[in-house]
Full PDB file with SEQRES, HELIX, SHEET, SSBOND, CRYST1, ORIGX, SCALE, CONECT and MASTER records, all heavy atoms in Angstrom:
SEQRES   1 A   42  LYS GLY ARG PHE THR ILE SER ARG ASP ASN THR LYS ASN          
SEQRES   2 A   42  THR VAL TYR LEU GLN MET ASP SER LEU LYS PRO GLU ASP          
SEQRES   3 A   42  THR ALA VAL TYR PHE CYS ASN ALA ALA VAL VAL SER ASP          
SEQRES   4 A   42  ARG ILE GLY                                                  
HELIX    1 AA1 PRO A   24  ASP A   26  5                                   3    
SHEET    1 AA1 2 PHE A   4  ASP A   9  0                                        
SHEET    2 AA1 2 THR A  14  MET A  19 -1                                        
CRYST1    1.000    1.000    1.000  90.00  90.00  90.00 P 1           1          
ORIGX1      1.000000  0.000000  0.000000        0.00000                         
ORIGX2      0.000000  1.000000  0.000000        0.00000                         
ORIGX3      0.000000  0.000000  1.000000        0.00000                         
SCALE1      1.000000  0.000000  0.000000        0.00000                         
SCALE2      0.000000  1.000000  0.000000        0.00000                         
SCALE3      0.000000  0.000000  1.000000        0.00000                         
ATOM      1  N   LYS A   1      63.493  45.904 -46.789  1.00  0.00           N  
ATOM      2  CA  LYS A   1      63.524  44.524 -46.321  1.00  0.00           C  
ATOM      3  C   LYS A   1      64.186  44.435 -44.948  1.00  0.00           C  
ATOM      4  O   LYS A   1      65.233  45.017 -44.708  1.00  0.00           O  
ATOM      5  CB  LYS A   1      64.263  43.635 -47.321  1.00  0.00           C  
ATOM      6  CG  LYS A   1      63.510  43.392 -48.610  1.00  0.00           C  
ATOM      7  CD  LYS A   1      64.307  42.509 -49.562  1.00  0.00           C  
ATOM      8  CE  LYS A   1      63.545  42.260 -50.851  1.00  0.00           C  
ATOM      9  NZ  LYS A   1      64.322  41.457 -51.816  1.00  0.00           N  
ATOM     10  N   GLY A   2      63.550  43.697 -44.068  1.00  0.00           N  
ATOM     11  CA  GLY A   2      64.057  43.546 -42.717  1.00  0.00           C  
ATOM     12  C   GLY A   2      63.598  44.609 -41.757  1.00  0.00           C  
ATOM     13  O   GLY A   2      63.793  44.463 -40.541  1.00  0.00           O  
ATOM     14  N   ARG A   3      63.001  45.683 -42.254  1.00  0.00           N  
ATOM     15  CA  ARG A   3      62.535  46.771 -41.405  1.00  0.00           C  
ATOM     16  C   ARG A   3      61.023  46.959 -41.446  1.00  0.00           C  
ATOM     17  O   ARG A   3      60.425  47.352 -40.446  1.00  0.00           O  
ATOM     18  CB  ARG A   3      63.210  48.086 -41.801  1.00  0.00           C  
ATOM     19  CG  ARG A   3      64.726  48.063 -41.680  1.00  0.00           C  
ATOM     20  CD  ARG A   3      65.326  49.446 -41.913  1.00  0.00           C  
ATOM     21  NE  ARG A   3      65.051  49.938 -43.266  1.00  0.00           N  
ATOM     22  CZ  ARG A   3      64.369  51.052 -43.530  1.00  0.00           C  
ATOM     23  NH1 ARG A   3      63.882  51.796 -42.542  1.00  0.00           N  
ATOM     24  NH2 ARG A   3      64.175  51.441 -44.787  1.00  0.00           N  
ATOM     25  N   PHE A   4      60.420  46.697 -42.598  1.00  0.00           N  
ATOM     26  CA  PHE A   4      58.980  46.880 -42.769  1.00  0.00           C  
ATOM     27  C   PHE A   4      58.294  45.524 -42.874  1.00  0.00           C  
ATOM     28  O   PHE A   4      58.866  44.557 -43.397  1.00  0.00           O  
ATOM     29  CB  PHE A   4      58.674  47.685 -44.037  1.00  0.00           C  
ATOM     30  CG  PHE A   4      59.081  49.128 -43.994  1.00  0.00           C  
ATOM     31  CD1 PHE A   4      59.843  49.637 -42.963  1.00  0.00           C  
ATOM     32  CD2 PHE A   4      58.688  49.983 -45.014  1.00  0.00           C  
ATOM     33  CE1 PHE A   4      60.221  50.972 -42.934  1.00  0.00           C  
ATOM     34  CE2 PHE A   4      59.051  51.320 -44.999  1.00  0.00           C  
ATOM     35  CZ  PHE A   4      59.820  51.815 -43.956  1.00  0.00           C  
ATOM     36  N   THR A   5      57.051  45.472 -42.419  1.00  0.00           N  
ATOM     37  CA  THR A   5      56.255  44.261 -42.501  1.00  0.00           C  
ATOM     38  C   THR A   5      54.852  44.606 -42.968  1.00  0.00           C  
ATOM     39  O   THR A   5      54.195  45.469 -42.378  1.00  0.00           O  
ATOM     40  CB  THR A   5      56.180  43.544 -41.152  1.00  0.00           C  
ATOM     41  OG1 THR A   5      57.495  43.259 -40.672  1.00  0.00           O  
ATOM     42  CG2 THR A   5      55.409  42.229 -41.297  1.00  0.00           C  
ATOM     43  N   ILE A   6      54.398  43.941 -44.017  1.00  0.00           N  
ATOM     44  CA  ILE A   6      53.053  44.152 -44.518  1.00  0.00           C  
ATOM     45  C   ILE A   6      52.172  42.994 -44.064  1.00  0.00           C  
ATOM     46  O   ILE A   6      52.608  41.841 -44.016  1.00  0.00           O  
ATOM     47  CB  ILE A   6      53.028  44.306 -46.049  1.00  0.00           C  
ATOM     48  CG1 ILE A   6      51.655  44.784 -46.528  1.00  0.00           C  
ATOM     49  CG2 ILE A   6      53.428  43.008 -46.750  1.00  0.00           C  
ATOM     50  CD1 ILE A   6      51.631  45.219 -47.993  1.00  0.00           C  
ATOM     51  N   SER A   7      50.935  43.304 -43.730  1.00  0.00           N  
ATOM     52  CA  SER A   7      49.980  42.292 -43.318  1.00  0.00           C  
ATOM     53  C   SER A   7      48.584  42.737 -43.726  1.00  0.00           C  
ATOM     54  O   SER A   7      48.394  43.873 -44.163  1.00  0.00           O  
ATOM     55  CB  SER A   7      50.048  42.041 -41.807  1.00  0.00           C  
ATOM     56  OG  SER A   7      49.733  43.222 -41.085  1.00  0.00           O  
ATOM     57  N   ARG A   8      47.632  41.836 -43.583  1.00  0.00           N  
ATOM     58  CA  ARG A   8      46.266  42.208 -43.960  1.00  0.00           C  
ATOM     59  C   ARG A   8      45.250  41.493 -43.090  1.00  0.00           C  
ATOM     60  O   ARG A   8      45.512  40.440 -42.514  1.00  0.00           O  
ATOM     61  CB  ARG A   8      45.987  41.914 -45.445  1.00  0.00           C  
ATOM     62  CG  ARG A   8      45.567  40.477 -45.749  1.00  0.00           C  
ATOM     63  CD  ARG A   8      46.775  39.606 -46.005  1.00  0.00           C  
ATOM     64  NE  ARG A   8      46.384  38.315 -46.536  1.00  0.00           N  
ATOM     65  CZ  ARG A   8      46.391  37.179 -45.852  1.00  0.00           C  
ATOM     66  NH1 ARG A   8      46.815  37.173 -44.584  1.00  0.00           N  
ATOM     67  NH2 ARG A   8      46.013  36.048 -46.417  1.00  0.00           N  
ATOM     68  N   ASP A   9      44.075  42.097 -43.017  1.00  0.00           N  
ATOM     69  CA  ASP A   9      42.920  41.520 -42.357  1.00  0.00           C  
ATOM     70  C   ASP A   9      41.848  41.394 -43.427  1.00  0.00           C  
ATOM     71  O   ASP A   9      41.205  42.381 -43.786  1.00  0.00           O  
ATOM     72  CB  ASP A   9      42.451  42.395 -41.202  1.00  0.00           C  
ATOM     73  CG  ASP A   9      41.306  41.783 -40.428  1.00  0.00           C  
ATOM     74  OD1 ASP A   9      40.631  40.876 -40.943  1.00  0.00           O  
ATOM     75  OD2 ASP A   9      41.070  42.217 -39.283  1.00  0.00           O  
ATOM     76  N   ASN A  10      41.661  40.209 -43.937  1.00  0.00           N  
ATOM     77  CA  ASN A  10      40.734  40.014 -45.048  1.00  0.00           C  
ATOM     78  C   ASN A  10      39.284  40.281 -44.662  1.00  0.00           C  
ATOM     79  O   ASN A  10      38.472  40.653 -45.514  1.00  0.00           O  
ATOM     80  CB  ASN A  10      40.868  38.594 -45.601  1.00  0.00           C  
ATOM     81  CG  ASN A  10      42.168  38.380 -46.349  1.00  0.00           C  
ATOM     82  OD1 ASN A  10      42.782  39.326 -46.839  1.00  0.00           O  
ATOM     83  ND2 ASN A  10      42.595  37.128 -46.453  1.00  0.00           N  
ATOM     84  N   THR A  11      38.942  40.088 -43.402  1.00  0.00           N  
ATOM     85  CA  THR A  11      37.576  40.344 -42.972  1.00  0.00           C  
ATOM     86  C   THR A  11      37.238  41.823 -43.002  1.00  0.00           C  
ATOM     87  O   THR A  11      36.063  42.186 -43.087  1.00  0.00           O  
ATOM     88  CB  THR A  11      37.330  39.790 -41.568  1.00  0.00           C  
ATOM     89  OG1 THR A  11      38.127  40.493 -40.611  1.00  0.00           O  
ATOM     90  CG2 THR A  11      37.676  38.311 -41.513  1.00  0.00           C  
ATOM     91  N   LYS A  12      38.250  42.677 -42.932  1.00  0.00           N  
ATOM     92  CA  LYS A  12      38.050  44.125 -42.949  1.00  0.00           C  
ATOM     93  C   LYS A  12      38.515  44.769 -44.245  1.00  0.00           C  
ATOM     94  O   LYS A  12      38.424  45.992 -44.379  1.00  0.00           O  
ATOM     95  CB  LYS A  12      38.785  44.772 -41.780  1.00  0.00           C  
ATOM     96  CG  LYS A  12      38.322  44.308 -40.412  1.00  0.00           C  
ATOM     97  CD  LYS A  12      39.126  44.995 -39.317  1.00  0.00           C  
ATOM     98  CE  LYS A  12      38.670  44.565 -37.943  1.00  0.00           C  
ATOM     99  NZ  LYS A  12      39.462  45.222 -36.871  1.00  0.00           N  
ATOM    100  N   ASN A  13      39.015  43.982 -45.182  1.00  0.00           N  
ATOM    101  CA  ASN A  13      39.602  44.512 -46.413  1.00  0.00           C  
ATOM    102  C   ASN A  13      40.626  45.602 -46.104  1.00  0.00           C  
ATOM    103  O   ASN A  13      40.644  46.659 -46.735  1.00  0.00           O  
ATOM    104  CB  ASN A  13      38.519  45.052 -47.348  1.00  0.00           C  
ATOM    105  CG  ASN A  13      37.730  43.951 -48.024  1.00  0.00           C  
ATOM    106  OD1 ASN A  13      38.141  42.789 -48.062  1.00  0.00           O  
ATOM    107  ND2 ASN A  13      36.574  44.302 -48.573  1.00  0.00           N  
ATOM    108  N   THR A  14      41.471  45.316 -45.145  1.00  0.00           N  
ATOM    109  CA  THR A  14      42.436  46.288 -44.663  1.00  0.00           C  
ATOM    110  C   THR A  14      43.847  45.726 -44.745  1.00  0.00           C  
ATOM    111  O   THR A  14      44.078  44.553 -44.426  1.00  0.00           O  
ATOM    112  CB  THR A  14      42.120  46.694 -43.217  1.00  0.00           C  
ATOM    113  OG1 THR A  14      40.824  47.297 -43.162  1.00  0.00           O  
ATOM    114  CG2 THR A  14      43.144  47.691 -42.690  1.00  0.00           C  
ATOM    115  N   VAL A  15      44.767  46.571 -45.167  1.00  0.00           N  
ATOM    116  CA  VAL A  15      46.175  46.210 -45.217  1.00  0.00           C  
ATOM    117  C   VAL A  15      46.937  47.135 -44.278  1.00  0.00           C  
ATOM    118  O   VAL A  15      46.590  48.312 -44.129  1.00  0.00           O  
ATOM    119  CB  VAL A  15      46.723  46.284 -46.653  1.00  0.00           C  
ATOM    120  CG1 VAL A  15      46.708  47.712 -47.183  1.00  0.00           C  
ATOM    121  CG2 VAL A  15      48.125  45.703 -46.727  1.00  0.00           C  
ATOM    122  N   TYR A  16      47.974  46.604 -43.649  1.00  0.00           N  
ATOM    123  CA  TYR A  16      48.781  47.353 -42.705  1.00  0.00           C  
ATOM    124  C   TYR A  16      50.239  47.340 -43.148  1.00  0.00           C  
ATOM    125  O   TYR A  16      50.705  46.396 -43.778  1.00  0.00           O  
ATOM    126  CB  TYR A  16      48.690  46.755 -41.305  1.00  0.00           C  
ATOM    127  CG  TYR A  16      47.283  46.611 -40.792  1.00  0.00           C  
ATOM    128  CD1 TYR A  16      46.593  45.408 -40.951  1.00  0.00           C  
ATOM    129  CD2 TYR A  16      46.638  47.663 -40.160  1.00  0.00           C  
ATOM    130  CE1 TYR A  16      45.299  45.265 -40.487  1.00  0.00           C  
ATOM    131  CE2 TYR A  16      45.347  47.530 -39.690  1.00  0.00           C  
ATOM    132  CZ  TYR A  16      44.681  46.331 -39.856  1.00  0.00           C  
ATOM    133  OH  TYR A  16      43.396  46.191 -39.390  1.00  0.00           O  
ATOM    134  N   LEU A  17      50.935  48.377 -42.784  1.00  0.00           N  
ATOM    135  CA  LEU A  17      52.372  48.445 -43.004  1.00  0.00           C  
ATOM    136  C   LEU A  17      53.038  48.855 -41.701  1.00  0.00           C  
ATOM    137  O   LEU A  17      52.917  50.013 -41.284  1.00  0.00           O  
ATOM    138  CB  LEU A  17      52.731  49.427 -44.115  1.00  0.00           C  
ATOM    139  CG  LEU A  17      54.213  49.493 -44.477  1.00  0.00           C  
ATOM    140  CD1 LEU A  17      54.659  48.191 -45.133  1.00  0.00           C  
ATOM    141  CD2 LEU A  17      54.497  50.674 -45.400  1.00  0.00           C  
ATOM    142  N   GLN A  18      53.697  47.915 -41.064  1.00  0.00           N  
ATOM    143  CA  GLN A  18      54.456  48.191 -39.856  1.00  0.00           C  
ATOM    144  C   GLN A  18      55.856  48.614 -40.252  1.00  0.00           C  
ATOM    145  O   GLN A  18      56.583  47.846 -40.887  1.00  0.00           O  
ATOM    146  CB  GLN A  18      54.505  46.961 -38.955  1.00  0.00           C  
ATOM    147  CG  GLN A  18      55.311  47.146 -37.675  1.00  0.00           C  
ATOM    148  CD  GLN A  18      54.677  48.144 -36.734  1.00  0.00           C  
ATOM    149  OE1 GLN A  18      53.472  48.130 -36.538  1.00  0.00           O  
ATOM    150  NE2 GLN A  18      55.486  49.025 -36.158  1.00  0.00           N  
ATOM    151  N   MET A  19      56.241  49.821 -39.892  1.00  0.00           N  
ATOM    152  CA  MET A  19      57.523  50.383 -40.270  1.00  0.00           C  
ATOM    153  C   MET A  19      58.371  50.564 -39.020  1.00  0.00           C  
ATOM    154  O   MET A  19      58.034  51.364 -38.149  1.00  0.00           O  
ATOM    155  CB  MET A  19      57.344  51.716 -40.998  1.00  0.00           C  
ATOM    156  CG  MET A  19      56.454  51.623 -42.233  1.00  0.00           C  
ATOM    157  SD  MET A  19      56.359  53.182 -43.153  1.00  0.00           S  
ATOM    158  CE  MET A  19      55.484  54.192 -41.958  1.00  0.00           C  
ATOM    159  N   ASP A  20      59.462  49.831 -38.942  1.00  0.00           N  
ATOM    160  CA  ASP A  20      60.378  49.893 -37.819  1.00  0.00           C  
ATOM    161  C   ASP A  20      61.738  50.384 -38.290  1.00  0.00           C  
ATOM    162  O   ASP A  20      62.057  50.341 -39.474  1.00  0.00           O  
ATOM    163  CB  ASP A  20      60.523  48.518 -37.160  1.00  0.00           C  
ATOM    164  CG  ASP A  20      59.230  47.984 -36.585  1.00  0.00           C  
ATOM    165  OD1 ASP A  20      58.460  48.774 -35.999  1.00  0.00           O  
ATOM    166  OD2 ASP A  20      58.980  46.761 -36.709  1.00  0.00           O  
ATOM    167  N   SER A  21      62.543  50.820 -37.334  1.00  0.00           N  
ATOM    168  CA  SER A  21      63.892  51.306 -37.629  1.00  0.00           C  
ATOM    169  C   SER A  21      63.883  52.331 -38.755  1.00  0.00           C  
ATOM    170  O   SER A  21      64.673  52.262 -39.700  1.00  0.00           O  
ATOM    171  CB  SER A  21      64.816  50.132 -37.981  1.00  0.00           C  
ATOM    172  OG  SER A  21      64.878  49.196 -36.921  1.00  0.00           O  
ATOM    173  N   LEU A  22      63.006  53.280 -38.642  1.00  0.00           N  
ATOM    174  CA  LEU A  22      62.825  54.258 -39.712  1.00  0.00           C  
ATOM    175  C   LEU A  22      64.058  55.135 -39.879  1.00  0.00           C  
ATOM    176  O   LEU A  22      64.736  55.491 -38.910  1.00  0.00           O  
ATOM    177  CB  LEU A  22      61.599  55.115 -39.433  1.00  0.00           C  
ATOM    178  CG  LEU A  22      60.269  54.424 -39.738  1.00  0.00           C  
ATOM    179  CD1 LEU A  22      59.117  55.129 -39.047  1.00  0.00           C  
ATOM    180  CD2 LEU A  22      60.029  54.376 -41.245  1.00  0.00           C  
ATOM    181  N   LYS A  23      64.316  55.484 -41.123  1.00  0.00           N  
ATOM    182  CA  LYS A  23      65.447  56.306 -41.504  1.00  0.00           C  
ATOM    183  C   LYS A  23      64.955  57.571 -42.192  1.00  0.00           C  
ATOM    184  O   LYS A  23      63.860  57.587 -42.759  1.00  0.00           O  
ATOM    185  CB  LYS A  23      66.367  55.540 -42.463  1.00  0.00           C  
ATOM    186  CG  LYS A  23      66.864  54.208 -41.935  1.00  0.00           C  
ATOM    187  CD  LYS A  23      67.661  53.472 -43.001  1.00  0.00           C  
ATOM    188  CE  LYS A  23      68.151  52.134 -42.503  1.00  0.00           C  
ATOM    189  NZ  LYS A  23      68.911  51.412 -43.562  1.00  0.00           N  
ATOM    190  N   PRO A  24      65.747  58.628 -42.183  1.00  0.00           N  
ATOM    191  CA  PRO A  24      65.340  59.843 -42.895  1.00  0.00           C  
ATOM    192  C   PRO A  24      65.007  59.597 -44.357  1.00  0.00           C  
ATOM    193  O   PRO A  24      64.110  60.258 -44.896  1.00  0.00           O  
ATOM    194  CB  PRO A  24      66.553  60.765 -42.739  1.00  0.00           C  
ATOM    195  CG  PRO A  24      67.175  60.335 -41.452  1.00  0.00           C  
ATOM    196  CD  PRO A  24      66.992  58.846 -41.408  1.00  0.00           C  
ATOM    197  N   GLU A  25      65.685  58.661 -44.994  1.00  0.00           N  
ATOM    198  CA  GLU A  25      65.409  58.377 -46.394  1.00  0.00           C  
ATOM    199  C   GLU A  25      64.068  57.685 -46.619  1.00  0.00           C  
ATOM    200  O   GLU A  25      63.654  57.494 -47.766  1.00  0.00           O  
ATOM    201  CB  GLU A  25      66.535  57.541 -47.020  1.00  0.00           C  
ATOM    202  CG  GLU A  25      66.931  56.332 -46.193  1.00  0.00           C  
ATOM    203  CD  GLU A  25      68.149  56.592 -45.325  1.00  0.00           C  
ATOM    204  OE1 GLU A  25      68.193  57.652 -44.672  1.00  0.00           O  
ATOM    205  OE2 GLU A  25      69.061  55.744 -45.313  1.00  0.00           O  
ATOM    206  N   ASP A  26      63.386  57.286 -45.544  1.00  0.00           N  
ATOM    207  CA  ASP A  26      62.038  56.761 -45.664  1.00  0.00           C  
ATOM    208  C   ASP A  26      60.995  57.861 -45.800  1.00  0.00           C  
ATOM    209  O   ASP A  26      59.822  57.572 -46.045  1.00  0.00           O  
ATOM    210  CB  ASP A  26      61.688  55.888 -44.458  1.00  0.00           C  
ATOM    211  CG  ASP A  26      62.536  54.634 -44.370  1.00  0.00           C  
ATOM    212  OD1 ASP A  26      62.764  53.994 -45.419  1.00  0.00           O  
ATOM    213  OD2 ASP A  26      62.963  54.287 -43.250  1.00  0.00           O  
ATOM    214  N   THR A  27      61.406  59.096 -45.616  1.00  0.00           N  
ATOM    215  CA  THR A  27      60.488  60.220 -45.727  1.00  0.00           C  
ATOM    216  C   THR A  27      59.902  60.285 -47.133  1.00  0.00           C  
ATOM    217  O   THR A  27      60.629  60.344 -48.123  1.00  0.00           O  
ATOM    218  CB  THR A  27      61.197  61.534 -45.393  1.00  0.00           C  
ATOM    219  OG1 THR A  27      61.629  61.513 -44.032  1.00  0.00           O  
ATOM    220  CG2 THR A  27      60.267  62.725 -45.599  1.00  0.00           C  
ATOM    221  N   ALA A  28      58.574  60.269 -47.210  1.00  0.00           N  
ATOM    222  CA  ALA A  28      57.893  60.256 -48.497  1.00  0.00           C  
ATOM    223  C   ALA A  28      56.396  60.315 -48.266  1.00  0.00           C  
ATOM    224  O   ALA A  28      55.915  60.195 -47.132  1.00  0.00           O  
ATOM    225  CB  ALA A  28      58.244  58.996 -49.290  1.00  0.00           C  
ATOM    226  N   VAL A  29      55.663  60.498 -49.347  1.00  0.00           N  
ATOM    227  CA  VAL A  29      54.226  60.292 -49.320  1.00  0.00           C  
ATOM    228  C   VAL A  29      53.965  58.832 -49.655  1.00  0.00           C  
ATOM    229  O   VAL A  29      54.441  58.329 -50.680  1.00  0.00           O  
ATOM    230  CB  VAL A  29      53.490  61.209 -50.314  1.00  0.00           C  
ATOM    231  CG1 VAL A  29      51.992  60.925 -50.291  1.00  0.00           C  
ATOM    232  CG2 VAL A  29      53.754  62.671 -49.976  1.00  0.00           C  
ATOM    233  N   TYR A  30      53.227  58.167 -48.802  1.00  0.00           N  
ATOM    234  CA  TYR A  30      52.941  56.757 -48.969  1.00  0.00           C  
ATOM    235  C   TYR A  30      51.522  56.584 -49.504  1.00  0.00           C  
ATOM    236  O   TYR A  30      50.564  57.128 -48.947  1.00  0.00           O  
ATOM    237  CB  TYR A  30      53.099  56.015 -47.644  1.00  0.00           C  
ATOM    238  CG  TYR A  30      54.536  55.805 -47.250  1.00  0.00           C  
ATOM    239  CD1 TYR A  30      55.340  56.873 -46.888  1.00  0.00           C  
ATOM    240  CD2 TYR A  30      55.104  54.527 -47.263  1.00  0.00           C  
ATOM    241  CE1 TYR A  30      56.668  56.690 -46.550  1.00  0.00           C  
ATOM    242  CE2 TYR A  30      56.428  54.332 -46.916  1.00  0.00           C  
ATOM    243  CZ  TYR A  30      57.207  55.411 -46.561  1.00  0.00           C  
ATOM    244  OH  TYR A  30      58.522  55.215 -46.217  1.00  0.00           O  
ATOM    245  N   PHE A  31      51.402  55.821 -50.583  1.00  0.00           N  
ATOM    246  CA  PHE A  31      50.129  55.604 -51.252  1.00  0.00           C  
ATOM    247  C   PHE A  31      49.717  54.140 -51.144  1.00  0.00           C  
ATOM    248  O   PHE A  31      50.514  53.246 -51.427  1.00  0.00           O  
ATOM    249  CB  PHE A  31      50.207  55.976 -52.733  1.00  0.00           C  
ATOM    250  CG  PHE A  31      50.487  57.430 -52.992  1.00  0.00           C  
ATOM    251  CD1 PHE A  31      51.785  57.879 -53.154  1.00  0.00           C  
ATOM    252  CD2 PHE A  31      49.453  58.338 -53.080  1.00  0.00           C  
ATOM    253  CE1 PHE A  31      52.052  59.212 -53.398  1.00  0.00           C  
ATOM    254  CE2 PHE A  31      49.704  59.676 -53.326  1.00  0.00           C  
ATOM    255  CZ  PHE A  31      51.001  60.116 -53.484  1.00  0.00           C  
ATOM    256  N   CYS A  32      48.478  53.922 -50.781  1.00  0.00           N  
ATOM    257  CA  CYS A  32      47.917  52.588 -50.771  1.00  0.00           C  
ATOM    258  C   CYS A  32      47.361  52.254 -52.146  1.00  0.00           C  
ATOM    259  O   CYS A  32      46.788  53.113 -52.823  1.00  0.00           O  
ATOM    260  CB  CYS A  32      46.809  52.500 -49.717  1.00  0.00           C  
ATOM    261  SG  CYS A  32      46.022  50.879 -49.590  1.00  0.00           S  
ATOM    262  N   ASN A  33      47.533  51.022 -52.558  1.00  0.00           N  
ATOM    263  CA  ASN A  33      47.035  50.552 -53.843  1.00  0.00           C  
ATOM    264  C   ASN A  33      46.297  49.237 -53.652  1.00  0.00           C  
ATOM    265  O   ASN A  33      46.702  48.400 -52.842  1.00  0.00           O  
ATOM    266  CB  ASN A  33      48.190  50.362 -54.829  1.00  0.00           C  
ATOM    267  CG  ASN A  33      47.773  49.629 -56.091  1.00  0.00           C  
ATOM    268  OD1 ASN A  33      47.989  48.417 -56.216  1.00  0.00           O  
ATOM    269  ND2 ASN A  33      47.178  50.347 -57.020  1.00  0.00           N  
ATOM    270  N   ALA A  34      45.219  49.071 -54.408  1.00  0.00           N  
ATOM    271  CA  ALA A  34      44.489  47.816 -54.396  1.00  0.00           C  
ATOM    272  C   ALA A  34      44.167  47.395 -55.816  1.00  0.00           C  
ATOM    273  O   ALA A  34      43.702  48.208 -56.621  1.00  0.00           O  
ATOM    274  CB  ALA A  34      43.198  47.936 -53.581  1.00  0.00           C  
ATOM    275  N   ALA A  35      44.425  46.154 -56.126  1.00  0.00           N  
ATOM    276  CA  ALA A  35      44.032  45.549 -57.391  1.00  0.00           C  
ATOM    277  C   ALA A  35      42.869  44.616 -57.102  1.00  0.00           C  
ATOM    278  O   ALA A  35      43.015  43.682 -56.304  1.00  0.00           O  
ATOM    279  CB  ALA A  35      45.201  44.790 -58.010  1.00  0.00           C  
ATOM    280  N   VAL A  36      41.736  44.878 -57.739  1.00  0.00           N  
ATOM    281  CA  VAL A  36      40.520  44.165 -57.370  1.00  0.00           C  
ATOM    282  C   VAL A  36      39.777  43.658 -58.606  1.00  0.00           C  
ATOM    283  O   VAL A  36      39.950  44.162 -59.715  1.00  0.00           O  
ATOM    284  CB  VAL A  36      39.566  45.056 -56.537  1.00  0.00           C  
ATOM    285  CG1 VAL A  36      40.303  45.689 -55.367  1.00  0.00           C  
ATOM    286  CG2 VAL A  36      38.923  46.134 -57.408  1.00  0.00           C  
ATOM    287  N   VAL A  37      38.956  42.661 -58.367  1.00  0.00           N  
ATOM    288  CA  VAL A  37      37.906  42.269 -59.294  1.00  0.00           C  
ATOM    289  C   VAL A  37      36.633  42.897 -58.767  1.00  0.00           C  
ATOM    290  O   VAL A  37      36.238  42.644 -57.625  1.00  0.00           O  
ATOM    291  CB  VAL A  37      37.776  40.746 -59.390  1.00  0.00           C  
ATOM    292  CG1 VAL A  37      36.587  40.362 -60.269  1.00  0.00           C  
ATOM    293  CG2 VAL A  37      39.060  40.136 -59.927  1.00  0.00           C  
ATOM    294  N   SER A  38      35.984  43.733 -59.567  1.00  0.00           N  
ATOM    295  CA  SER A  38      34.903  44.569 -59.065  1.00  0.00           C  
ATOM    296  C   SER A  38      33.559  43.856 -58.986  1.00  0.00           C  
ATOM    297  O   SER A  38      32.722  44.212 -58.150  1.00  0.00           O  
ATOM    298  CB  SER A  38      34.750  45.821 -59.935  1.00  0.00           C  
ATOM    299  OG  SER A  38      35.923  46.611 -59.880  1.00  0.00           O  
ATOM    300  N   ASP A  39      33.321  42.868 -59.849  1.00  0.00           N  
ATOM    301  CA  ASP A  39      32.039  42.187 -59.869  1.00  0.00           C  
ATOM    302  C   ASP A  39      32.189  40.800 -60.480  1.00  0.00           C  
ATOM    303  O   ASP A  39      33.282  40.393 -60.877  1.00  0.00           O  
ATOM    304  CB  ASP A  39      30.986  43.009 -60.628  1.00  0.00           C  
ATOM    305  CG  ASP A  39      31.436  43.411 -62.019  1.00  0.00           C  
ATOM    306  OD1 ASP A  39      32.184  42.639 -62.653  1.00  0.00           O  
ATOM    307  OD2 ASP A  39      31.044  44.504 -62.473  1.00  0.00           O  
ATOM    308  N   ARG A  40      31.075  40.110 -60.572  1.00  0.00           N  
ATOM    309  CA  ARG A  40      31.096  38.743 -61.099  1.00  0.00           C  
ATOM    310  C   ARG A  40      31.489  38.683 -62.571  1.00  0.00           C  
ATOM    311  O   ARG A  40      32.130  37.719 -63.007  1.00  0.00           O  
ATOM    312  CB  ARG A  40      29.740  38.076 -60.890  1.00  0.00           C  
ATOM    313  CG  ARG A  40      29.375  37.878 -59.436  1.00  0.00           C  
ATOM    314  CD  ARG A  40      27.965  37.360 -59.281  1.00  0.00           C  
ATOM    315  NE  ARG A  40      27.580  37.240 -57.886  1.00  0.00           N  
ATOM    316  CZ  ARG A  40      27.113  38.240 -57.162  1.00  0.00           C  
ATOM    317  NH1 ARG A  40      26.963  39.444 -57.702  1.00  0.00           N  
ATOM    318  NH2 ARG A  40      26.779  38.047 -55.893  1.00  0.00           N  
ATOM    319  N   ILE A  41      31.075  39.686 -63.336  1.00  0.00           N  
ATOM    320  CA  ILE A  41      31.478  39.746 -64.729  1.00  0.00           C  
ATOM    321  C   ILE A  41      32.989  39.877 -64.836  1.00  0.00           C  
ATOM    322  O   ILE A  41      33.627  39.225 -65.671  1.00  0.00           O  
ATOM    323  CB  ILE A  41      30.770  40.902 -65.459  1.00  0.00           C  
ATOM    324  CG1 ILE A  41      29.254  40.719 -65.385  1.00  0.00           C  
ATOM    325  CG2 ILE A  41      31.239  40.989 -66.903  1.00  0.00           C  
ATOM    326  CD1 ILE A  41      28.772  39.437 -66.041  1.00  0.00           C  
ATOM    327  N   GLY A  42      33.562  40.709 -63.994  1.00  0.00           N  
ATOM    328  CA  GLY A  42      35.009  40.843 -63.985  1.00  0.00           C  
ATOM    329  C   GLY A  42      35.697  39.546 -63.623  1.00  0.00           C  
ATOM    330  O   GLY A  42      36.749  39.217 -64.179  1.00  0.00           O  
TER     331      GLY A  42                                                      
MASTER        0    0    0    1    2    0    0    6  330    1    0    4          
END                                                                             
């Protein structure tokens, strides 16, 4: 909190993560996740 900012572009179905003031403890593998409704039945 206060260092990272998440945003999205709905026209591109894209999410961004702006990471500022990075620290060594931020070192990790970062995984993107999406929760979606796949079709009209869903």
